[in-house]
Amino acid sequence: MSPRPETPPAPPPLESDDARTVLVITLAWVLAMVVLLVLAVTGMTEVRGWWLGMCGYGIALGAFGVWHLRRRKALAREQP
C-alpha cells in the first residue's frame, strides 16, 4: 500500500458577527409583522392570526438570540 498523502492543516475559523446576522433576520420579522398589520387594518386582505403569531415568535426568539450571542461574546472576552 502506498502511504496516505498528508492533509494540509485546517484554516483558522472565520470571524463573523453572529449577533448582527440574527438582528437583521429579527428586523425582517418586524417588517413582516408591520406589513401584515397594515394589510389587516386597511382591510386589503384577510390576515390569519397565526401569521401574526409566527412573526411574534420570530421577533421574540431573535431578541433572545441577540441577547444570548452578545452575552456569550462578552463572557469570552473576559476569559484568558
PDB file of N, CA and C in Angstrom:
ATOM      1  N   MET A   1       0.830  -1.190   0.000  1.00  0.00           N
ATOM      2  CA  MET A   1       0.000   0.000   0.000  1.00  0.00           C
ATOM      3  C   MET A   1       0.866   1.243   0.000  1.00  0.00           C
ATOM      4  N   SER A   2       0.381   2.211  -0.702  1.00  0.00           N
ATOM      5  CA  SER A   2       1.120   3.475  -0.718  1.00  0.00           C
ATOM      6  C   SER A   2       0.718   4.318   0.492  1.00  0.00           C
ATOM      7  N   PRO A   3       1.637   5.112   1.002  1.00  0.00           N
ATOM      8  CA  PRO A   3       1.309   5.945   2.176  1.00  0.00           C
ATOM      9  C   PRO A   3       0.287   7.007   1.800  1.00  0.00           C
ATOM     10  N   ARG A   4      -0.506   7.341   2.762  1.00  0.00           N
ATOM     11  CA  ARG A   4      -1.511   8.391   2.522  1.00  0.00           C
ATOM     12  C   ARG A   4      -0.838   9.744   2.384  1.00  0.00           C
ATOM     13  N   PRO A   5      -1.337  10.563   1.469  1.00  0.00           N
ATOM     14  CA  PRO A   5      -0.750  11.905   1.355  1.00  0.00           C
ATOM     15  C   PRO A   5      -1.138  12.740   2.582  1.00  0.00           C
ATOM     16  N   GLU A   6      -0.239  13.596   2.961  1.00  0.00           N
ATOM     17  CA  GLU A   6      -0.512  14.448   4.113  1.00  0.00           C
ATOM     18  C   GLU A   6      -1.615  15.445   3.773  1.00  0.00           C
ATOM     19  N   THR A   7      -2.499  15.634   4.722  1.00  0.00           N
ATOM     20  CA  THR A   7      -3.564  16.621   4.511  1.00  0.00           C
ATOM     21  C   THR A   7      -3.075  17.967   5.022  1.00  0.00           C
ATOM     22  N   PRO A   8      -3.424  19.020   4.320  1.00  0.00           N
ATOM     23  CA  PRO A   8      -2.994  20.348   4.767  1.00  0.00           C
ATOM     24  C   PRO A   8      -3.695  20.719   6.069  1.00  0.00           C
ATOM     25  N   PRO A   9      -3.097  21.582   6.846  1.00  0.00           N
ATOM     26  CA  PRO A   9      -3.737  21.983   8.113  1.00  0.00           C
ATOM     27  C   PRO A   9      -5.032  22.742   7.844  1.00  0.00           C
ATOM     28  N   ALA A  10      -5.935  22.627   8.767  1.00  0.00           N
ATOM     29  CA  ALA A  10      -7.225  23.311   8.623  1.00  0.00           C
ATOM     30  C   ALA A  10      -7.018  24.825   8.734  1.00  0.00           C
ATOM     31  N   PRO A  11      -7.737  25.577   7.925  1.00  0.00           N
ATOM     32  CA  PRO A  11      -7.594  27.038   8.025  1.00  0.00           C
ATOM     33  C   PRO A  11      -8.220  27.537   9.320  1.00  0.00           C
ATOM     34  N   PRO A  12      -7.791  28.699   9.776  1.00  0.00           N
ATOM     35  CA  PRO A  12      -8.385  29.240  11.006  1.00  0.00           C
ATOM     36  C   PRO A  12      -9.852  29.588  10.763  1.00  0.00           C
ATOM     37  N   PRO A  13     -10.680  29.546  11.808  1.00  0.00           N
ATOM     38  CA  PRO A  13     -12.099  29.862  11.626  1.00  0.00           C
ATOM     39  C   PRO A  13     -12.293  31.327  11.241  1.00  0.00           C
ATOM     40  N   LEU A  14     -13.310  31.553  10.445  1.00  0.00           N
ATOM     41  CA  LEU A  14     -13.632  32.923  10.033  1.00  0.00           C
ATOM     42  C   LEU A  14     -14.312  33.657  11.180  1.00  0.00           C
ATOM     43  N   GLU A  15     -13.946  34.900  11.331  1.00  0.00           N
ATOM     44  CA  GLU A  15     -14.602  35.744  12.326  1.00  0.00           C
ATOM     45  C   GLU A  15     -15.895  36.278  11.717  1.00  0.00           C
ATOM     46  N   SER A  16     -16.966  36.201  12.471  1.00  0.00           N
ATOM     47  CA  SER A  16     -18.234  36.735  11.988  1.00  0.00           C
ATOM     48  C   SER A  16     -18.981  37.360  13.151  1.00  0.00           C
ATOM     49  N   ASP A  17     -19.882  38.243  12.820  1.00  0.00           N
ATOM     50  CA  ASP A  17     -20.700  38.894  13.839  1.00  0.00           C
ATOM     51  C   ASP A  17     -22.073  38.234  13.804  1.00  0.00           C
ATOM     52  N   ASP A  18     -22.209  37.152  14.563  1.00  0.00           N
ATOM     53  CA  ASP A  18     -23.453  36.389  14.556  1.00  0.00           C
ATOM     54  C   ASP A  18     -24.618  37.210  15.092  1.00  0.00           C
ATOM     55  N   ALA A  19     -24.359  38.055  16.074  1.00  0.00           N
ATOM     56  CA  ALA A  19     -25.432  38.863  16.648  1.00  0.00           C
ATOM     57  C   ALA A  19     -26.022  39.801  15.594  1.00  0.00           C
ATOM     58  N   ARG A  20     -25.186  40.342  14.745  1.00  0.00           N
ATOM     59  CA  ARG A  20     -25.682  41.240  13.688  1.00  0.00           C
ATOM     60  C   ARG A  20     -26.546  40.464  12.693  1.00  0.00           C
ATOM     61  N   THR A  21     -26.132  39.255  12.371  1.00  0.00           N
ATOM     62  CA  THR A  21     -26.915  38.424  11.453  1.00  0.00           C
ATOM     63  C   THR A  21     -28.293  38.128  12.029  1.00  0.00           C
ATOM     64  N   VAL A  22     -28.330  37.734  13.302  1.00  0.00           N
ATOM     65  CA  VAL A  22     -29.609  37.439  13.951  1.00  0.00           C
ATOM     66  C   VAL A  22     -30.451  38.709  14.055  1.00  0.00           C
ATOM     67  N   LEU A  23     -29.808  39.852  14.307  1.00  0.00           N
ATOM     68  CA  LEU A  23     -30.537  41.119  14.392  1.00  0.00           C
ATOM     69  C   LEU A  23     -31.195  41.465  13.053  1.00  0.00           C
ATOM     70  N   VAL A  24     -30.489  41.259  11.964  1.00  0.00           N
ATOM     71  CA  VAL A  24     -31.055  41.558  10.631  1.00  0.00           C
ATOM     72  C   VAL A  24     -32.255  40.657  10.360  1.00  0.00           C
ATOM     73  N   ILE A  25     -32.155  39.385  10.703  1.00  0.00           N
ATOM     74  CA  ILE A  25     -33.274  38.467  10.486  1.00  0.00           C
ATOM     75  C   ILE A  25     -34.452  38.848  11.384  1.00  0.00           C
ATOM     76  N   THR A  26     -34.162  39.269  12.620  1.00  0.00           N
ATOM     77  CA  THR A  26     -35.223  39.715  13.521  1.00  0.00           C
ATOM     78  C   THR A  26     -35.919  40.955  12.971  1.00  0.00           C
ATOM     79  N   LEU A  27     -35.146  41.865  12.398  1.00  0.00           N
ATOM     80  CA  LEU A  27     -35.751  43.055  11.790  1.00  0.00           C
ATOM     81  C   LEU A  27     -36.622  42.681  10.588  1.00  0.00           C
ATOM     82  N   ALA A  28     -36.263  41.616   9.888  1.00  0.00           N
ATOM     83  CA  ALA A  28     -37.114  41.136   8.795  1.00  0.00           C
ATOM     84  C   ALA A  28     -38.448  40.636   9.342  1.00  0.00           C
ATOM     85  N   TRP A  29     -38.442  39.967  10.518  1.00  0.00           N
ATOM     86  CA  TRP A  29     -39.692  39.542  11.155  1.00  0.00           C
ATOM     87  C   TRP A  29     -40.518  40.757  11.571  1.00  0.00           C
ATOM     88  N   VAL A  30     -39.854  41.797  12.068  1.00  0.00           N
ATOM     89  CA  VAL A  30     -40.570  43.019  12.448  1.00  0.00           C
ATOM     90  C   VAL A  30     -41.226  43.629  11.213  1.00  0.00           C
ATOM     91  N   LEU A  31     -40.494  43.697  10.119  1.00  0.00           N
ATOM     92  CA  LEU A  31     -41.042  44.244   8.875  1.00  0.00           C
ATOM     93  C   LEU A  31     -42.233  43.423   8.397  1.00  0.00           C
ATOM     94  N   ALA A  32     -42.129  42.089   8.482  1.00  0.00           N
ATOM     95  CA  ALA A  32     -43.242  41.233   8.072  1.00  0.00           C
ATOM     96  C   ALA A  32     -44.469  41.491   8.935  1.00  0.00           C
ATOM     97  N   MET A  33     -44.257  41.678  10.236  1.00  0.00           N
ATOM     98  CA  MET A  33     -45.398  41.943  11.118  1.00  0.00           C
ATOM     99  C   MET A  33     -46.038  43.294  10.806  1.00  0.00           C
ATOM    100  N   VAL A  34     -45.220  44.296  10.521  1.00  0.00           N
ATOM    101  CA  VAL A  34     -45.766  45.612  10.174  1.00  0.00           C
ATOM    102  C   VAL A  34     -46.587  45.526   8.901  1.00  0.00           C
ATOM    103  N   VAL A  35     -46.073  44.829   7.904  1.00  0.00           N
ATOM    104  CA  VAL A  35     -46.810  44.675   6.644  1.00  0.00           C
ATOM    105  C   VAL A  35     -48.138  43.967   6.885  1.00  0.00           C
ATOM    106  N   LEU A  36     -48.114  42.900   7.676  1.00  0.00           N
ATOM    107  CA  LEU A  36     -49.354  42.179   7.962  1.00  0.00           C
ATOM    108  C   LEU A  36     -50.341  43.042   8.735  1.00  0.00           C
ATOM    109  N   LEU A  37     -49.845  43.822   9.681  1.00  0.00           N
ATOM    110  CA  LEU A  37     -50.740  44.705  10.441  1.00  0.00           C
ATOM    111  C   LEU A  37     -51.355  45.771   9.547  1.00  0.00           C
ATOM    112  N   VAL A  38     -50.568  46.322   8.639  1.00  0.00           N
ATOM    113  CA  VAL A  38     -51.104  47.319   7.701  1.00  0.00           C
ATOM    114  C   VAL A  38     -52.160  46.680   6.814  1.00  0.00           C
ATOM    115  N   LEU A  39     -51.902  45.482   6.327  1.00  0.00           N
ATOM    116  CA  LEU A  39     -52.885  44.795   5.490  1.00  0.00           C
ATOM    117  C   LEU A  39     -54.161  44.492   6.274  1.00  0.00           C
ATOM    118  N   ALA A  40     -54.015  44.145   7.542  1.00  0.00           N
ATOM    119  CA  ALA A  40     -55.189  43.833   8.364  1.00  0.00           C
ATOM    120  C   ALA A  40     -56.002  45.091   8.655  1.00  0.00           C
ATOM    121  N   VAL A  41     -55.327  46.178   8.968  1.00  0.00           N
ATOM    122  CA  VAL A  41     -56.027  47.413   9.329  1.00  0.00           C
ATOM    123  C   VAL A  41     -56.730  48.018   8.118  1.00  0.00           C
ATOM    124  N   THR A  42     -56.087  48.002   6.973  1.00  0.00           N
ATOM    125  CA  THR A  42     -56.694  48.592   5.782  1.00  0.00           C
ATOM    126  C   THR A  42     -57.739  47.684   5.151  1.00  0.00           C
ATOM    127  N   GLY A  43     -57.764  46.426   5.546  1.00  0.00           N
ATOM    128  CA  GLY A  43     -58.755  45.505   5.000  1.00  0.00           C
ATOM    129  C   GLY A  43     -58.447  45.046   3.586  1.00  0.00           C
ATOM    130  N   MET A  44     -57.195  45.181   3.172  1.00  0.00           N
ATOM    131  CA  MET A  44     -56.830  44.786   1.813  1.00  0.00           C
ATOM    132  C   MET A  44     -56.903  43.268   1.633  1.00  0.00           C
ATOM    133  N   THR A  45     -56.667  42.540   2.692  1.00  0.00           N
ATOM    134  CA  THR A  45     -56.721  41.087   2.630  1.00  0.00           C
ATOM    135  C   THR A  45     -56.998  40.539   4.021  1.00  0.00           C
ATOM    136  N   GLU A  46     -57.410  39.291   4.046  1.00  0.00           N
ATOM    137  CA  GLU A  46     -57.649  38.642   5.332  1.00  0.00           C
ATOM    138  C   GLU A  46     -56.312  38.157   5.885  1.00  0.00           C
ATOM    139  N   VAL A  47     -55.985  38.595   7.086  1.00  0.00           N
ATOM    140  CA  VAL A  47     -54.736  38.180   7.734  1.00  0.00           C
ATOM    141  C   VAL A  47     -55.094  37.178   8.817  1.00  0.00           C
ATOM    142  N   ARG A  48     -54.547  35.995   8.701  1.00  0.00           N
ATOM    143  CA  ARG A  48     -54.818  34.960   9.700  1.00  0.00           C
ATOM    144  C   ARG A  48     -54.009  35.245  10.955  1.00  0.00           C
ATOM    145  N   GLY A  49     -54.591  34.919  12.089  1.00  0.00           N
ATOM    146  CA  GLY A  49     -53.949  35.207  13.367  1.00  0.00           C
ATOM    147  C   GLY A  49     -52.623  34.505  13.562  1.00  0.00           C
ATOM    148  N   TRP A  50     -52.491  33.291  13.040  1.00  0.00           N
ATOM    149  CA  TRP A  50     -51.242  32.564  13.250  1.00  0.00           C
ATOM    150  C   TRP A  50     -50.094  33.184  12.478  1.00  0.00           C
ATOM    151  N   TRP A  51     -50.393  33.943  11.404  1.00  0.00           N
ATOM    152  CA  TRP A  51     -49.326  34.638  10.690  1.00  0.00           C
ATOM    153  C   TRP A  51     -48.684  35.667  11.607  1.00  0.00           C
ATOM    154  N   LEU A  52     -49.529  36.427  12.295  1.00  0.00           N
ATOM    155  CA  LEU A  52     -49.003  37.421  13.235  1.00  0.00           C
ATOM    156  C   LEU A  52     -48.286  36.725  14.390  1.00  0.00           C
ATOM    157  N   GLY A  53     -48.809  35.578  14.803  1.00  0.00           N
ATOM    158  CA  GLY A  53     -48.157  34.817  15.861  1.00  0.00           C
ATOM    159  C   GLY A  53     -46.762  34.364  15.466  1.00  0.00           C
ATOM    160  N   MET A  54     -46.615  33.903  14.236  1.00  0.00           N
ATOM    161  CA  MET A  54     -45.286  33.469  13.775  1.00  0.00           C
ATOM    162  C   MET A  54     -44.315  34.641  13.753  1.00  0.00           C
ATOM    163  N   CYS A  55     -44.799  35.808  13.346  1.00  0.00           N
ATOM    164  CA  CYS A  55     -43.931  36.991  13.377  1.00  0.00           C
ATOM    165  C   CYS A  55     -43.537  37.315  14.811  1.00  0.00           C
ATOM    166  N   GLY A  56     -44.488  37.228  15.711  1.00  0.00           N
ATOM    167  CA  GLY A  56     -44.189  37.490  17.122  1.00  0.00           C
ATOM    168  C   GLY A  56     -43.170  36.511  17.672  1.00  0.00           C
ATOM    169  N   TYR A  57     -43.324  35.223  17.341  1.00  0.00           N
ATOM    170  CA  TYR A  57     -42.353  34.227  17.786  1.00  0.00           C
ATOM    171  C   TYR A  57     -40.972  34.500  17.189  1.00  0.00           C
ATOM    172  N   GLY A  58     -40.934  34.873  15.928  1.00  0.00           N
ATOM    173  CA  GLY A  58     -39.653  35.193  15.290  1.00  0.00           C
ATOM    174  C   GLY A  58     -38.966  36.374  15.946  1.00  0.00           C
ATOM    175  N   ILE A  59     -39.758  37.384  16.309  1.00  0.00           N
ATOM    176  CA  ILE A  59     -39.194  38.558  16.978  1.00  0.00           C
ATOM    177  C   ILE A  59     -38.689  38.182  18.367  1.00  0.00           C
ATOM    178  N   ALA A  60     -39.481  37.429  19.105  1.00  0.00           N
ATOM    179  CA  ALA A  60     -39.083  37.051  20.462  1.00  0.00           C
ATOM    180  C   ALA A  60     -37.827  36.175  20.452  1.00  0.00           C
ATOM    181  N   LEU A  61     -37.800  35.171  19.586  1.00  0.00           N
ATOM    182  CA  LEU A  61     -36.624  34.307  19.521  1.00  0.00           C
ATOM    183  C   LEU A  61     -35.399  35.052  19.006  1.00  0.00           C
ATOM    184  N   GLY A  62     -35.602  35.962  18.082  1.00  0.00           N
ATOM    185  CA  GLY A  62     -34.486  36.758  17.581  1.00  0.00           C
ATOM    186  C   GLY A  62     -33.924  37.676  18.653  1.00  0.00           C
ATOM    187  N   ALA A  63     -34.804  38.293  19.444  1.00  0.00           N
ATOM    188  CA  ALA A  63     -34.332  39.155  20.530  1.00  0.00           C
ATOM    189  C   ALA A  63     -33.547  38.336  21.552  1.00  0.00           C
ATOM    190  N   PHE A  64     -34.048  37.152  21.883  1.00  0.00           N
ATOM    191  CA  PHE A  64     -33.316  36.282  22.800  1.00  0.00           C
ATOM    192  C   PHE A  64     -31.968  35.888  22.194  1.00  0.00           C
ATOM    193  N   GLY A  65     -31.953  35.570  20.910  1.00  0.00           N
ATOM    194  CA  GLY A  65     -30.707  35.174  20.254  1.00  0.00           C
ATOM    195  C   GLY A  65     -29.676  36.283  20.263  1.00  0.00           C
ATOM    196  N   VAL A  66     -30.091  37.514  19.992  1.00  0.00           N
ATOM    197  CA  VAL A  66     -29.159  38.639  20.012  1.00  0.00           C
ATOM    198  C   VAL A  66     -28.605  38.824  21.420  1.00  0.00           C
ATOM    199  N   TRP A  67     -29.479  38.765  22.419  1.00  0.00           N
ATOM    200  CA  TRP A  67     -29.033  38.909  23.806  1.00  0.00           C
ATOM    201  C   TRP A  67     -28.033  37.808  24.160  1.00  0.00           C
ATOM    202  N   HIS A  68     -28.362  36.576  23.810  1.00  0.00           N
ATOM    203  CA  HIS A  68     -27.500  35.438  24.149  1.00  0.00           C
ATOM    204  C   HIS A  68     -26.143  35.545  23.454  1.00  0.00           C
ATOM    205  N   LEU A  69     -26.134  35.888  22.183  1.00  0.00           N
ATOM    206  CA  LEU A  69     -24.870  35.962  21.447  1.00  0.00           C
ATOM    207  C   LEU A  69     -23.983  37.093  21.963  1.00  0.00           C
ATOM    208  N   ARG A  70     -24.584  38.223  22.290  1.00  0.00           N
ATOM    209  CA  ARG A  70     -23.789  39.329  22.845  1.00  0.00           C
ATOM    210  C   ARG A  70     -23.237  38.969  24.215  1.00  0.00           C
ATOM    211  N   ARG A  71     -24.036  38.298  25.023  1.00  0.00           N
ATOM    212  CA  ARG A  71     -23.590  37.873  26.352  1.00  0.00           C
ATOM    213  C   ARG A  71     -22.452  36.862  26.235  1.00  0.00           C
ATOM    214  N   ARG A  72     -22.597  35.906  25.313  1.00  0.00           N
ATOM    215  CA  ARG A  72     -21.565  34.890  25.120  1.00  0.00           C
ATOM    216  C   ARG A  72     -20.261  35.516  24.656  1.00  0.00           C
ATOM    217  N   LYS A  73     -20.353  36.514  23.767  1.00  0.00           N
ATOM    218  CA  LYS A  73     -19.150  37.182  23.272  1.00  0.00           C
ATOM    219  C   LYS A  73     -18.467  37.965  24.389  1.00  0.00           C
ATOM    220  N   ALA A  74     -19.272  38.617  25.242  1.00  0.00           N
ATOM    221  CA  ALA A  74     -18.699  39.373  26.355  1.00  0.00           C
ATOM    222  C   ALA A  74     -18.018  38.431  27.358  1.00  0.00           C
ATOM    223  N   LEU A  75     -18.628  37.277  27.624  1.00  0.00           N
ATOM    224  CA  LEU A  75     -18.014  36.311  28.532  1.00  0.00           C
ATOM    225  C   LEU A  75     -16.723  35.733  27.942  1.00  0.00           C
ATOM    226  N   ALA A  76     -16.676  35.545  26.649  1.00  0.00           N
ATOM    227  CA  ALA A  76     -15.473  35.006  26.012  1.00  0.00           C
ATOM    228  C   ALA A  76     -14.335  36.014  26.077  1.00  0.00           C
ATOM    229  N   ARG A  77     -14.637  37.309  25.999  1.00  0.00           N
ATOM    230  CA  ARG A  77     -13.607  38.333  26.120  1.00  0.00           C
ATOM    231  C   ARG A  77     -13.009  38.387  27.515  1.00  0.00           C
ATOM    232  N   GLU A  78     -13.813  38.087  28.526  1.00  0.00           N
ATOM    233  CA  GLU A  78     -13.338  38.144  29.906  1.00  0.00           C
ATOM    234  C   GLU A  78     -12.390  37.001  30.232  1.00  0.00           C
ATOM    235  N   GLN A  79     -12.548  35.857  29.602  1.00  0.00           N
ATOM    236  CA  GLN A  79     -11.727  34.693  29.927  1.00  0.00           C
ATOM    237  C   GLN A  79     -10.348  34.818  29.273  1.00  0.00           C
ATOM    238  N   PRO A  80      -9.330  34.335  29.975  1.00  0.00           N
ATOM    239  CA  PRO A  80      -7.956  34.452  29.432  1.00  0.00           C
ATOM    240  C   PRO A  80      -7.704  33.580  28.252  1.00  0.00           C
TER     241      PRO A  80
END
